[in-house]
C-alpha atoms as a PDB file:
ATOM      1  CA  MET A   1       4.531  12.854 -11.201  1.00  0.00           C
ATOM      2  CA  ALA A   2       6.732  14.806  -9.167  1.00  0.00           C
ATOM      3  CA  ASP A   3       9.301  16.832 -10.350  1.00  0.00           C
ATOM      4  CA  TRP A   4      11.334  17.876  -7.398  1.00  0.00           C
ATOM      5  CA  TYR A   5      14.353  16.187  -8.731  1.00  0.00           C
ATOM      6  CA  LYS A   6      14.513  18.464 -11.435  1.00  0.00           C
ATOM      7  CA  SER A   7      15.874  21.166  -8.938  1.00  0.00           C
ATOM      8  CA  TRP A   8      17.562  19.196  -6.905  1.00  0.00           C
ATOM      9  CA  PRO A   9      19.227  19.814  -4.273  1.00  0.00           C
ATOM     10  CA  PRO A  10      16.426  21.929  -3.114  1.00  0.00           C
ATOM     11  CA  PRO A  11      17.409  25.676  -1.822  1.00  0.00           C
ATOM     12  CA  HIS A  12      17.201  24.559   1.734  1.00  0.00           C
ATOM     13  CA  ASP A  13      18.449  27.922   3.102  1.00  0.00           C
ATOM     14  CA  SER A  14      15.626  29.955   1.380  1.00  0.00           C
ATOM     15  CA  ILE A  15      12.673  27.691   3.443  1.00  0.00           C
ATOM     16  CA  GLU A  16      11.665  29.415   6.457  1.00  0.00           C
ATOM     17  CA  HIS A  17       8.864  27.250   7.348  1.00  0.00           C
ATOM     18  CA  MET A  18       7.662  23.693   6.160  1.00  0.00           C
ATOM     19  CA  THR A  19       3.950  22.726   6.399  1.00  0.00           C
ATOM     20  CA  THR A  20       1.700  19.718   5.848  1.00  0.00           C
ATOM     21  CA  ASP A  21      -2.006  19.562   5.380  1.00  0.00           C
ATOM     22  CA  ILE A  22      -2.536  16.649   7.808  1.00  0.00           C
ATOM     23  CA  LYS A  23      -6.394  16.664   7.422  1.00  0.00           C
ATOM     24  CA  ALA A  24      -5.822  16.726   3.292  1.00  0.00           C
ATOM     25  CA  ALA A  25      -3.628  13.749   3.487  1.00  0.00           C
ATOM     26  CA  GLU A  26      -6.130  11.734   5.774  1.00  0.00           C
ATOM     27  CA  GLN A  27      -8.595  12.486   3.509  1.00  0.00           C
ATOM     28  CA  PHE A  28      -6.651  11.075   0.372  1.00  0.00           C
ATOM     29  CA  VAL A  29      -5.995   8.171   2.147  1.00  0.00           C
ATOM     30  CA  TYR A  30     -10.004   7.558   3.002  1.00  0.00           C
ATOM     31  CA  ALA A  31     -10.863   8.565  -0.781  1.00  0.00           C
ATOM     32  CA  ASN A  32      -8.504   6.516  -2.483  1.00  0.00           C
ATOM     33  CA  ALA A  33      -6.091   3.655  -0.235  1.00  0.00           C
ATOM     34  CA  ARG A  34      -6.445   0.098   0.310  1.00  0.00           C
ATOM     35  CA  LEU A  35      -8.317  -1.093   3.378  1.00  0.00           C
ATOM     36  CA  LEU A  36      -4.862  -1.790   4.585  1.00  0.00           C
ATOM     37  CA  ASP A  37      -3.286   1.436   4.299  1.00  0.00           C
ATOM     38  CA  ARG A  38      -6.380   3.032   6.086  1.00  0.00           C
ATOM     39  CA  ARG A  39      -5.705   0.629   8.903  1.00  0.00           C
ATOM     40  CA  ARG A  40      -1.795   1.724   8.757  1.00  0.00           C
ATOM     41  CA  LEU A  41      -3.049   5.449   9.011  1.00  0.00           C
ATOM     42  CA  GLU A  42      -5.445   4.637  11.746  1.00  0.00           C
ATOM     43  CA  HIS A  43      -2.514   2.831  13.526  1.00  0.00           C
ATOM     44  CA  LEU A  44      -0.438   6.042  13.093  1.00  0.00           C
ATOM     45  CA  THR A  45      -2.837   8.588  14.254  1.00  0.00           C
ATOM     46  CA  GLY A  46      -4.163   6.954  17.476  1.00  0.00           C
ATOM     47  CA  ALA A  47      -7.204   6.104  16.078  1.00  0.00           C
ATOM     48  CA  GLY A  48      -6.920   2.192  15.180  1.00  0.00           C
ATOM     49  CA  THR A  49      -5.115  -0.941  16.816  1.00  0.00           C
ATOM     50  CA  ALA A  50      -2.202  -2.877  15.425  1.00  0.00           C
ATOM     51  CA  ASP A  51      -4.902  -5.969  15.472  1.00  0.00           C
ATOM     52  CA  ALA A  52      -6.706  -4.177  12.829  1.00  0.00           C
ATOM     53  CA  VAL A  53      -3.829  -3.831  10.493  1.00  0.00           C
ATOM     54  CA  VAL A  54      -2.715  -7.505  11.146  1.00  0.00           C
ATOM     55  CA  GLU A  55      -6.528  -8.251  10.058  1.00  0.00           C
ATOM     56  CA  ALA A  56      -6.504  -6.331   6.718  1.00  0.00           C
ATOM     57  CA  LEU A  57      -2.965  -8.004   5.994  1.00  0.00           C
ATOM     58  CA  ARG A  58      -4.251 -11.229   6.659  1.00  0.00           C
ATOM     59  CA  ALA A  59      -6.379 -11.150   3.098  1.00  0.00           C
ATOM     60  CA  TYR A  60      -2.857 -11.119   1.413  1.00  0.00           C
ATOM     61  CA  GLN A  61      -1.555 -14.334   2.961  1.00  0.00           C
ATOM     62  CA  ASN A  62      -2.003 -17.430   0.945  1.00  0.00           C
ATOM     63  CA  ASP A  63      -2.073 -21.112   1.964  1.00  0.00           C
ATOM     64  CA  ASP A  64       1.463 -21.586   1.413  1.00  0.00           C
ATOM     65  CA  GLY A  65       2.129 -18.905   4.179  1.00  0.00           C
ATOM     66  CA  GLY A  66       3.465 -16.094   1.402  1.00  0.00           C
ATOM     67  CA  PHE A  67       1.868 -13.027   0.403  1.00  0.00           C
ATOM     68  CA  GLY A  68       0.404 -11.661  -2.897  1.00  0.00           C
ATOM     69  CA  HIS A  69      -2.375 -10.535  -4.356  1.00  0.00           C
ATOM     70  CA  ALA A  70      -0.865  -7.194  -5.477  1.00  0.00           C
ATOM     71  CA  LEU A  71      -0.176  -6.437  -1.746  1.00  0.00           C
ATOM     72  CA  GLU A  72       2.932  -5.222  -3.798  1.00  0.00           C
ATOM     73  CA  PRO A  73       1.337  -2.635  -6.501  1.00  0.00           C
ATOM     74  CA  ASP A  74       4.029  -3.319  -9.149  1.00  0.00           C
ATOM     75  CA  MET A  75       2.953  -7.736  -9.313  1.00  0.00           C
ATOM     76  CA  ARG A  76      -0.834  -8.359  -9.778  1.00  0.00           C
ATOM     77  CA  ALA A  77      -0.428 -12.075  -9.478  1.00  0.00           C
ATOM     78  CA  PRO A  78      -2.461 -13.813  -6.589  1.00  0.00           C
ATOM     79  CA  GLY A  79       0.586 -16.320  -6.179  1.00  0.00           C
ATOM     80  CA  SER A  80       2.938 -15.882  -3.237  1.00  0.00           C
ATOM     81  CA  GLU A  81       5.714 -13.220  -4.098  1.00  0.00           C
ATOM     82  CA  PRO A  82       9.146 -12.172  -2.404  1.00  0.00           C
ATOM     83  CA  ALA A  83       8.331  -8.698  -2.896  1.00  0.00           C
ATOM     84  CA  ALA A  84       4.612  -8.793  -0.862  1.00  0.00           C
ATOM     85  CA  THR A  85       6.124 -10.681   1.337  1.00  0.00           C
ATOM     86  CA  LEU A  86       8.403  -8.088   2.068  1.00  0.00           C
ATOM     87  CA  LEU A  87       5.984  -5.813   2.516  1.00  0.00           C
ATOM     88  CA  ALA A  88       4.083  -7.448   4.671  1.00  0.00           C
ATOM     89  CA  LEU A  89       6.853  -8.512   7.110  1.00  0.00           C
ATOM     90  CA  GLU A  90       7.935  -4.827   7.083  1.00  0.00           C
ATOM     91  CA  THR A  91       4.066  -3.880   7.509  1.00  0.00           C
ATOM     92  CA  LEU A  92       3.799  -6.016  10.599  1.00  0.00           C
ATOM     93  CA  VAL A  93       7.269  -4.858  12.295  1.00  0.00           C
ATOM     94  CA  GLU A  94       5.681  -1.112  11.577  1.00  0.00           C
ATOM     95  CA  ALA A  95       2.457  -2.408  13.788  1.00  0.00           C
ATOM     96  CA  GLY A  96       4.888  -3.715  16.381  1.00  0.00           C
ATOM     97  CA  ALA A  97       3.142  -7.099  15.878  1.00  0.00           C
ATOM     98  CA  THR A  98       6.687  -8.692  15.546  1.00  0.00           C
ATOM     99  CA  LYS A  99       5.373 -12.132  17.146  1.00  0.00           C
ATOM    100  CA  ASP A 100       2.481 -12.815  15.151  1.00  0.00           C
ATOM    101  CA  PRO A 101       1.727 -15.961  13.297  1.00  0.00           C
ATOM    102  CA  LEU A 102       1.636 -14.910   9.878  1.00  0.00           C
ATOM    103  CA  ILE A 103       5.397 -14.032  10.311  1.00  0.00           C
ATOM    104  CA  ASP A 104       5.595 -17.880  11.021  1.00  0.00           C
ATOM    105  CA  GLY A 105       4.011 -18.946   7.752  1.00  0.00           C
ATOM    106  CA  ALA A 106       5.639 -16.105   5.979  1.00  0.00           C
ATOM    107  CA  ALA A 107       9.393 -17.713   7.092  1.00  0.00           C
ATOM    108  CA  GLU A 108       8.126 -21.103   6.083  1.00  0.00           C
ATOM    109  CA  TRP A 109       7.078 -19.890   2.539  1.00  0.00           C
ATOM    110  CA  LEU A 110      10.580 -18.227   2.267  1.00  0.00           C
ATOM    111  CA  ALA A 111      12.309 -21.421   2.913  1.00  0.00           C
ATOM    112  CA  SER A 112      10.473 -23.508   0.651  1.00  0.00           C
ATOM    113  CA  ALA A 113      10.916 -20.772  -2.664  1.00  0.00           C
ATOM    114  CA  ALA A 114      14.475 -19.800  -1.558  1.00  0.00           C
ATOM    115  CA  ALA A 115      17.360 -21.212  -3.675  1.00  0.00           C
ATOM    116  CA  PRO A 116      19.756 -23.724  -1.664  1.00  0.00           C
ATOM    117  CA  ASP A 117      22.002 -20.153  -1.119  1.00  0.00           C
ATOM    118  CA  GLY A 118      18.927 -18.828   0.586  1.00  0.00           C
ATOM    119  CA  THR A 119      18.288 -16.400  -2.006  1.00  0.00           C
ATOM    120  CA  LEU A 120      15.098 -15.451  -3.630  1.00  0.00           C
ATOM    121  CA  PRO A 121      14.232 -13.741  -6.726  1.00  0.00           C
ATOM    122  CA  GLN A 122      12.844 -10.619  -7.680  1.00  0.00           C
ATOM    123  CA  MET A 123       9.437 -12.295  -9.218  1.00  0.00           C
ATOM    124  CA  MET A 124       8.472 -16.000  -9.214  1.00  0.00           C
ATOM    125  CA  ALA A 125       7.966 -17.561 -12.342  1.00  0.00           C
ATOM    126  CA  THR A 126       3.986 -17.805 -11.523  1.00  0.00           C
ATOM    127  CA  GLY A 127       3.469 -14.439 -11.467  1.00  0.00           C
ATOM    128  CA  ALA A 128       4.730 -14.011 -15.368  1.00  0.00           C
ATOM    129  CA  GLY A 129       0.882 -14.878 -16.566  1.00  0.00           C
ATOM    130  CA  TYR A 130      -0.484 -11.660 -14.622  1.00  0.00           C
ATOM    131  CA  PRO A 131       0.292  -8.080 -15.286  1.00  0.00           C
ATOM    132  CA  HIS A 132       3.474  -6.781 -13.236  1.00  0.00           C
ATOM    133  CA  ALA A 133       5.682  -3.772 -14.122  1.00  0.00           C
ATOM    134  CA  PRO A 134       7.755  -3.760 -17.124  1.00  0.00           C
ATOM    135  CA  PHE A 135      10.974  -3.538 -15.244  1.00  0.00           C
ATOM    136  CA  ILE A 136      10.497  -6.554 -13.406  1.00  0.00           C
ATOM    137  CA  ASN A 137      10.758 -10.180 -14.887  1.00  0.00           C
ATOM    138  CA  PRO A 138      10.623 -13.656 -13.552  1.00  0.00           C
ATOM    139  CA  GLY A 139      13.647 -14.008 -11.817  1.00  0.00           C
ATOM    140  CA  GLY A 140      15.841 -11.442 -11.831  1.00  0.00           C
ATOM    141  CA  PRO A 141      18.216 -10.064  -9.381  1.00  0.00           C
ATOM    142  CA  THR A 142      18.380 -11.754  -5.794  1.00  0.00           C
ATOM    143  CA  PHE A 143      18.483  -8.006  -4.185  1.00  0.00           C
ATOM    144  CA  LEU A 144      15.178  -8.457  -2.037  1.00  0.00           C
ATOM    145  CA  THR A 145      17.290 -11.381  -0.201  1.00  0.00           C
ATOM    146  CA  TYR A 146      18.603  -8.678   1.776  1.00  0.00           C
ATOM    147  CA  ALA A 147      15.807  -6.917   2.961  1.00  0.00           C
ATOM    148  CA  LEU A 148      13.596  -9.894   3.820  1.00  0.00           C
ATOM    149  CA  ALA A 149      16.420 -11.338   6.194  1.00  0.00           C
ATOM    150  CA  GLY A 150      16.549  -7.638   7.598  1.00  0.00           C
ATOM    151  CA  ALA A 151      13.136  -7.660   7.815  1.00  0.00           C
ATOM    152  CA  LEU A 152      13.070 -10.907  10.202  1.00  0.00           C
ATOM    153  CA  TRP A 153      16.008  -9.868  12.216  1.00  0.00           C
ATOM    154  CA  ARG A 154      13.386  -7.408  13.377  1.00  0.00           C
ATOM    155  CA  THR A 155      11.090  -9.911  14.357  1.00  0.00           C
ATOM    156  CA  GLU A 156      11.062 -12.938  17.027  1.00  0.00           C
ATOM    157  CA  ALA A 157      11.699 -15.511  14.374  1.00  0.00           C
ATOM    158  CA  ARG A 158      14.191 -17.205  14.094  1.00  0.00           C
ATOM    159  CA  PRO A 159      13.908 -19.857  11.275  1.00  0.00           C
ATOM    160  CA  ASP A 160      16.841 -21.767   9.513  1.00  0.00           C
ATOM    161  CA  TRP A 161      16.173 -19.952   6.555  1.00  0.00           C
ATOM    162  CA  LEU A 162      17.410 -16.972   7.912  1.00  0.00           C
ATOM    163  CA  ASP A 163      20.680 -18.111   9.059  1.00  0.00           C
ATOM    164  CA  ARG A 164      21.065 -19.160   4.983  1.00  0.00           C
ATOM    165  CA  ALA A 165      20.387 -15.789   3.920  1.00  0.00           C
ATOM    166  CA  THR A 166      22.503 -14.186   6.503  1.00  0.00           C
ATOM    167  CA  THR A 167      25.601 -15.927   5.293  1.00  0.00           C
ATOM    168  CA  TRP A 168      24.770 -15.422   1.745  1.00  0.00           C
ATOM    169  CA  ALA A 169      24.396 -11.503   2.414  1.00  0.00           C
ATOM    170  CA  TRP A 170      27.424 -11.451   4.308  1.00  0.00           C
ATOM    171  CA  THR A 171      29.254 -13.054   1.375  1.00  0.00           C
ATOM    172  CA  GLU A 172      27.856 -10.840  -0.858  1.00  0.00           C
ATOM    173  CA  LEU A 173      27.916  -7.269   0.628  1.00  0.00           C
ATOM    174  CA  GLU A 174      32.003  -7.862   1.559  1.00  0.00           C
ATOM    175  CA  SER A 175      32.814  -8.438  -1.926  1.00  0.00           C
ATOM    176  CA  LEU A 176      30.543  -5.731  -3.521  1.00  0.00           C
ATOM    177  CA  GLU A 177      31.641  -3.975  -6.584  1.00  0.00           C
ATOM    178  CA  ALA A 178      29.758  -1.341  -8.362  1.00  0.00           C
ATOM    179  CA  PRO A 179      26.280  -2.296  -6.890  1.00  0.00           C
ATOM    180  CA  HIS A 180      23.021  -1.316  -8.635  1.00  0.00           C
ATOM    181  CA  THR A 181      21.167   1.489  -6.518  1.00  0.00           C
ATOM    182  CA  TYR A 182      18.680  -0.961  -5.594  1.00  0.00           C
ATOM    183  CA  THR A 183      20.979  -3.547  -4.516  1.00  0.00           C
ATOM    184  CA  VAL A 184      22.005  -0.784  -1.858  1.00  0.00           C
ATOM    185  CA  VAL A 185      18.601   0.112  -0.848  1.00  0.00           C
ATOM    186  CA  PHE A 186      17.866  -3.271   0.344  1.00  0.00           C
ATOM    187  CA  ALA A 187      21.006  -3.893   1.498  1.00  0.00           C
ATOM    188  CA  LEU A 188      20.843  -1.115   4.052  1.00  0.00           C
ATOM    189  CA  ARG A 189      17.834  -2.799   5.299  1.00  0.00           C
ATOM    190  CA  PHE A 190      20.069  -6.089   6.380  1.00  0.00           C
ATOM    191  CA  LEU A 191      22.634  -3.493   7.614  1.00  0.00           C
ATOM    192  CA  ASP A 192      20.077  -1.570   9.995  1.00  0.00           C
ATOM    193  CA  ALA A 193      18.810  -4.914  11.571  1.00  0.00           C
ATOM    194  CA  VAL A 194      21.226  -7.680  11.231  1.00  0.00           C
ATOM    195  CA  PRO A 195      23.356  -8.342  15.035  1.00  0.00           C
ATOM    196  CA  ASP A 196      26.540  -7.930  13.927  1.00  0.00           C
ATOM    197  CA  ALA A 197      27.002  -3.977  14.530  1.00  0.00           C
ATOM    198  CA  ASP A 198      30.657  -3.974  13.801  1.00  0.00           C
ATOM    199  CA  ARG A 199      30.607  -5.855  10.501  1.00  0.00           C
ATOM    200  CA  ALA A 200      27.689  -3.551   9.521  1.00  0.00           C
ATOM    201  CA  GLY A 201      29.575  -0.519  10.250  1.00  0.00           C
ATOM    202  CA  ALA A 202      32.293  -1.844   8.127  1.00  0.00           C
ATOM    203  CA  VAL A 203      30.145  -2.190   4.984  1.00  0.00           C
ATOM    204  CA  LEU A 204      28.552   0.851   5.502  1.00  0.00           C
ATOM    205  CA  ASP A 205      31.460   2.712   5.124  1.00  0.00           C
ATOM    206  CA  SER A 206      32.347   0.887   1.966  1.00  0.00           C
ATOM    207  CA  LEU A 207      29.182   2.090   0.466  1.00  0.00           C
ATOM    208  CA  ARG A 208      29.619   5.597   1.682  1.00  0.00           C
ATOM    209  CA  PRO A 209      31.569   6.662  -1.515  1.00  0.00           C
ATOM    210  CA  LEU A 210      28.475   5.876  -3.918  1.00  0.00           C
ATOM    211  CA  LEU A 211      26.393   8.980  -2.555  1.00  0.00           C
ATOM    212  CA  ASP A 212      26.289  11.964  -4.341  1.00  0.00           C
ATOM    213  CA  ASP A 213      27.178  15.215  -2.630  1.00  0.00           C
ATOM    214  CA  ALA A 214      22.612  15.424  -1.495  1.00  0.00           C
ATOM    215  CA  GLY A 215      23.075  11.630  -0.166  1.00  0.00           C
ATOM    216  CA  CYS A 216      21.439  10.836  -3.119  1.00  0.00           C
ATOM    217  CA  MET A 217      21.806   7.671  -5.695  1.00  0.00           C
ATOM    218  CA  PRO A 218      20.554   7.612  -9.339  1.00  0.00           C
ATOM    219  CA  VAL A 219      18.322   4.904 -10.663  1.00  0.00           C
ATOM    220  CA  PRO A 220      19.804   3.449 -13.738  1.00  0.00           C
ATOM    221  CA  GLY A 221      16.982   2.220 -15.886  1.00  0.00           C
ATOM    222  CA  GLY A 222      14.355   4.734 -14.521  1.00  0.00           C
ATOM    223  CA  VAL A 223      12.259   7.555 -15.588  1.00  0.00           C
ATOM    224  CA  GLU A 224      14.247  10.614 -16.040  1.00  0.00           C
ATOM    225  CA  GLY A 225      15.867  11.964 -13.136  1.00  0.00           C
ATOM    226  CA  GLU A 226      14.971   9.247 -10.937  1.00  0.00           C
ATOM    227  CA  GLN A 227      17.016   8.618  -7.845  1.00  0.00           C
ATOM    228  CA  VAL A 228      16.897   7.514  -4.129  1.00  0.00           C
ATOM    229  CA  THR A 229      17.204   9.900  -1.464  1.00  0.00           C
ATOM    230  CA  PRO A 230      18.660   9.830   1.967  1.00  0.00           C
ATOM    231  CA  LEU A 231      14.923   9.095   3.592  1.00  0.00           C
ATOM    232  CA  ALA A 232      14.399   6.043   1.251  1.00  0.00           C
ATOM    233  CA  LEU A 233      17.621   4.826   1.697  1.00  0.00           C
ATOM    234  CA  SER A 234      17.858   5.198   5.460  1.00  0.00           C
ATOM    235  CA  PRO A 235      14.034   5.868   6.720  1.00  0.00           C
ATOM    236  CA  GLU A 236      14.517   5.553  10.583  1.00  0.00           C
ATOM    237  CA  PRO A 237      15.976   7.772  12.990  1.00  0.00           C
ATOM    238  CA  GLY A 238      19.044   6.477  14.788  1.00  0.00           C
ATOM    239  CA  SER A 239      19.675   3.738  12.402  1.00  0.00           C
ATOM    240  CA  ARG A 240      22.683   2.306  11.736  1.00  0.00           C
ATOM    241  CA  SER A 241      22.505   3.613   8.044  1.00  0.00           C
ATOM    242  CA  ARG A 242      21.779   7.120   9.232  1.00  0.00           C
ATOM    243  CA  THR A 243      25.607   7.613   9.632  1.00  0.00           C
ATOM    244  CA  LEU A 244      25.819   7.593   5.986  1.00  0.00           C
ATOM    245  CA  PHE A 245      23.981  10.902   5.988  1.00  0.00           C
ATOM    246  CA  THR A 246      24.563  14.521   7.432  1.00  0.00           C
ATOM    247  CA  GLY A 247      21.740  16.221   9.315  1.00  0.00           C
ATOM    248  CA  GLU A 248      21.556  18.350   6.774  1.00  0.00           C
ATOM    249  CA  GLN A 249      20.993  15.945   3.994  1.00  0.00           C
ATOM    250  CA  VAL A 250      18.322  15.028   6.272  1.00  0.00           C
ATOM    251  CA  ALA A 251      16.672  17.995   7.011  1.00  0.00           C
ATOM    252  CA  ALA A 252      16.738  18.924   3.117  1.00  0.00           C
ATOM    253  CA  ASP A 253      15.048  15.894   2.114  1.00  0.00           C
ATOM    254  CA  LEU A 254      12.474  16.256   4.629  1.00  0.00           C
ATOM    255  CA  ASP A 255      11.969  19.635   3.625  1.00  0.00           C
ATOM    256  CA  ARG A 256      11.653  18.092  -0.442  1.00  0.00           C
ATOM    257  CA  LEU A 257       9.426  15.573   1.406  1.00  0.00           C
ATOM    258  CA  GLN A 258       6.734  18.190   3.069  1.00  0.00           C
ATOM    259  CA  ARG A 259       6.979  20.431  -0.415  1.00  0.00           C
ATOM    260  CA  GLU A 260       5.918  17.624  -2.438  1.00  0.00           C
ATOM    261  CA  GLN A 261       2.496  17.007  -0.878  1.00  0.00           C
ATOM    262  CA  LEU A 262       0.183  17.570  -4.149  1.00  0.00           C
ATOM    263  CA  ASP A 263      -3.491  19.325  -3.779  1.00  0.00           C
ATOM    264  CA  ASP A 264      -5.137  16.297  -3.343  1.00  0.00           C
ATOM    265  CA  GLY A 265      -3.686  16.025   0.083  1.00  0.00           C
ATOM    266  CA  GLY A 266      -1.567  12.661  -1.217  1.00  0.00           C
ATOM    267  CA  TRP A 267       1.927  12.004  -2.225  1.00  0.00           C
ATOM    268  CA  ASP A 268       2.938  10.596  -5.819  1.00  0.00           C
ATOM    269  CA  PHE A 269       6.013   8.500  -6.457  1.00  0.00           C
ATOM    270  CA  ASP A 270       8.898   9.532  -9.144  1.00  0.00           C
ATOM    271  CA  PHE A 271       8.929   5.923 -10.881  1.00  0.00           C
ATOM    272  CA  LEU A 272       7.150   4.366 -13.284  1.00  0.00           C
ATOM    273  CA  HIS A 273       3.455   4.753 -13.339  1.00  0.00           C
ATOM    274  CA  TRP A 274       2.232   1.807 -15.659  1.00  0.00           C
ATOM    275  CA  SER A 275      -1.558   1.380 -14.344  1.00  0.00           C
ATOM    276  CA  PRO A 276      -3.815   3.128 -12.582  1.00  0.00           C
ATOM    277  CA  GLY A 277      -4.499   0.702  -9.940  1.00  0.00           C
ATOM    278  CA  GLN A 278      -0.675   0.372  -9.328  1.00  0.00           C
ATOM    279  CA  ALA A 279      -0.317   4.338  -9.370  1.00  0.00           C
ATOM    280  CA  LEU A 280      -3.484   4.565  -6.765  1.00  0.00           C
ATOM    281  CA  ASP A 281      -2.338   1.549  -4.394  1.00  0.00           C
ATOM    282  CA  TRP A 282       1.408   2.953  -4.607  1.00  0.00           C
ATOM    283  CA  ARG A 283       0.154   6.635  -3.430  1.00  0.00           C
ATOM    284  CA  GLY A 284      -1.706   5.365  -0.413  1.00  0.00           C
ATOM    285  CA  SER A 285       0.855   3.223   0.560  1.00  0.00           C
ATOM    286  CA  PHE A 286       3.284   6.272   0.263  1.00  0.00           C
ATOM    287  CA  THR A 287       1.144   8.810   1.605  1.00  0.00           C
ATOM    288  CA  VAL A 288       1.290   6.684   4.772  1.00  0.00           C
ATOM    289  CA  SER A 289       4.792   6.160   5.105  1.00  0.00           C
ATOM    290  CA  ASN A 290       5.192   9.357   4.486  1.00  0.00           C
ATOM    291  CA  LEU A 291       3.262  11.138   7.028  1.00  0.00           C
ATOM    292  CA  ARG A 292       5.059   8.219   9.471  1.00  0.00           C
ATOM    293  CA  GLN A 293       8.611   9.612   8.348  1.00  0.00           C
ATOM    294  CA  LEU A 294       7.276  13.328   9.059  1.00  0.00           C
ATOM    295  CA  GLU A 295       6.173  12.178  12.346  1.00  0.00           C
ATOM    296  CA  GLN A 296       9.206   9.939  13.474  1.00  0.00           C
ATOM    297  CA  HIS A 297      11.424  13.313  12.620  1.00  0.00           C
ATOM    298  CA  GLY A 298       9.190  15.637  14.489  1.00  0.00           C
ATOM    299  CA  ARG A 299       7.784  17.625  11.422  1.00  0.00           C
ATOM    300  CA  ILE A 300       4.239  16.786  12.446  1.00  0.00           C
ATOM    301  CA  SER A 301       2.372  15.856  15.410  1.00  0.00           C
ATOM    302  CA  PHE A 302      -1.194  13.907  15.171  1.00  0.00           C
ATOM    303  CA  SER A 303      -1.982  15.250  18.837  1.00  0.00           C
ATOM    304  CA  LEU A 304      -2.618  18.721  17.495  1.00  0.00           C
ATOM    305  CA  THR A 305      -5.043  17.173  14.496  1.00  0.00           C
ATOM    306  CA  THR A 306      -8.390  15.704  14.067  1.00  0.00           C
ATOM    307  CA  SER A 307      -6.547  12.556  14.322  1.00  0.00           C
ATOM    308  CA  ALA A 308      -6.091  12.753  18.015  1.00  0.00           C
ATOM    309  CA  ARG A 309      -9.496  11.451  18.370  1.00  0.00           C
ATOM    310  CA  ARG A 310     -10.012   7.475  18.413  1.00  0.00           C
ATOM    311  CA  SER A 311     -12.325   7.749  15.631  1.00  0.00           C
ATOM    312  CA  PRO A 312     -11.672   8.439  11.670  1.00  0.00           C
ATOM    313  CA  PRO A 313     -11.860  12.169  10.612  1.00  0.00           C
ATOM    314  CA  PRO A 314     -15.051  13.268   9.192  1.00  0.00           C
ATOM    315  CA  ALA A 315     -15.430  13.620   5.327  1.00  0.00           C
ATOM    316  CA  GLU A 316     -15.630  17.020   3.764  1.00  0.00           C
ATOM    317  CA  PRO A 317     -19.116  18.434   3.210  1.00  0.00           C
END
């Protein structure tokens, strides 16, 4: 497990040049990651298409329109789950497939599974009999609703459920008191996407005091030193939530991200590793997501690597 948090904030002024071994990261993904994350990598580097990402994602969708089958690695149940459906929607947005029919199926499931106020639980009762992370239980907090609504606002879909969820989200956000860290994480996804920019900006201003000097938030009840950093809170350059952070905070977090690449080429994560399958699935997912963030922020360029070719990288001899 990475231990960057033990010396946070990083000695940014002493870092002259940060590098990322892109080829090693690609090799890690091809050696260890799920097909979906391999397709995400190929789309990111120009070696594959959005259609290939969608096709890989399709295998996780159930007949009811929701997504399951351990798409979200902390929940291993085959049945549809809010967290898995969120990850599916965010993957489709990442691929630019914002009109794909998979979204309509997901929206129908969300409407059928939601409470009257539009909220969804952290985990469905049907998942209780399957392996899942010990920090997740059936029911649980409704904070995924923020991110699910945010993800749908970034697509072309406008189901009736979205209006209910958005009304709930505004009511909650405008009366928040001492929110949990992950409430803030998912709320920011909503605030970055919902159309009312002025209203979102007012809520963002109310969240600013929750951040420490490095722009981080600790995770109560997490593993020792676990915290959420600026890039996890606001992953997209130019987003509304990015106004919560200084350029120096973002730069320091990018330095940290580059520094944390492991010898095997991949990245680890700092929350609980509770099964080998969960850990490897998340590592593959995070490795692709981290490469994407580094590319979006100008820290790496795939045009200068073997990834620029329209084929996967060759295996090491």
